[in-house]
Protein backbone atom coordinates (compact mmCIF):
# COMPACT_ATOMS: atom_id res chain seq x y z
CA MET A 1 0.00 0.00 0.00
CA PHE A 2 0.98 3.64 0.29
CA LYS A 3 3.33 4.92 2.94
CA GLY A 4 1.42 6.02 6.02
CA ILE A 5 -1.80 4.27 5.04
CA ALA A 6 -2.56 0.97 6.70
CA ALA A 7 -4.96 -1.50 5.16
CA MET A 8 -8.08 -2.30 7.16
CA ASP A 9 -8.06 -5.70 8.83
CA ALA A 10 -10.33 -8.18 7.00
CA GLY A 11 -12.23 -9.06 10.18
CA GLU A 12 -12.87 -5.39 10.94
CA MET A 13 -14.05 -4.86 7.36
CA VAL A 14 -16.50 -7.77 7.60
CA ARG A 15 -17.86 -6.46 10.93
CA TYR A 16 -18.32 -3.01 9.40
CA ALA A 17 -20.10 -4.49 6.37
CA ILE A 18 -22.42 -6.67 8.45
CA LYS A 19 -23.29 -3.72 10.68
CA GLY A 20 -24.15 -1.65 7.60
CA LEU A 21 -26.28 -4.46 6.16
CA LYS A 22 -28.17 -4.85 9.44
CA GLN A 23 -28.90 -1.12 9.39
CA ASP A 24 -30.13 -1.48 5.79
CA ARG A 25 -27.66 1.11 4.53
CA PHE A 26 -27.69 1.82 0.83
CA GLU A 27 -23.97 2.54 0.79
CA ILE A 28 -21.37 1.16 3.21
CA LEU A 29 -18.27 3.33 3.47
CA PRO A 30 -15.67 1.76 5.78
CA GLY A 31 -13.02 3.66 7.68
CA PHE A 32 -12.43 7.21 6.55
CA ARG A 33 -14.19 6.72 3.21
CA SER A 34 -17.30 8.58 4.41
CA THR A 35 -15.08 11.57 5.24
CA LEU A 36 -13.47 11.40 1.80
CA LYS A 37 -16.87 11.33 0.15
CA PHE A 38 -18.08 14.34 2.14
CA VAL A 39 -14.96 16.42 1.45
CA SER A 40 -14.99 15.50 -2.23
CA ARG A 41 -18.50 16.95 -2.49
CA VAL A 42 -17.63 20.11 -0.58
CA ALA A 43 -14.25 20.75 -2.23
CA PRO A 44 -13.85 18.45 -5.25
CA GLN A 45 -10.77 20.15 -6.72
CA PHE A 46 -8.99 20.01 -3.37
CA MET A 47 -9.65 16.27 -3.07
CA LEU A 48 -8.59 15.65 -6.66
CA ASN A 49 -5.30 17.46 -6.04
CA LEU A 50 -4.75 15.70 -2.73
CA LEU A 51 -5.45 12.21 -4.03
CA SER A 52 -3.52 12.66 -7.27
CA LYS A 53 -0.21 13.54 -5.55
CA PRO A 54 0.75 9.90 -4.79
CA VAL A 55 -0.18 8.87 -8.33
CA VAL A 56 1.94 11.61 -9.89
CA LYS A 57 4.84 10.62 -7.63
CA MET A 58 4.55 6.95 -8.63
CA LEU A 59 4.37 7.86 -12.32
CA THR A 60 7.48 10.03 -12.15
CA GLN A 61 9.37 7.23 -10.40
CA THR A 62 8.21 4.74 -13.04
CA LYS A 63 9.23 7.01 -15.93
CA GLY A 64 12.65 7.55 -14.36
CA ASN A 65 13.47 3.80 -14.46
């Protein structure tokens, strides 16, 4: 994964999904995904710039090889 971002444990993910299904949620957003969705609606360009930085960095490293 990316530096500084830990993957969610599979068991925690399943618990989160089951909880969402029991609550009859239309959309289940685990972890900080709900925050990302909210911010992307409030400030879409900011989120696009923020989330594209790691991609640009990876692409420049790939092109340099």
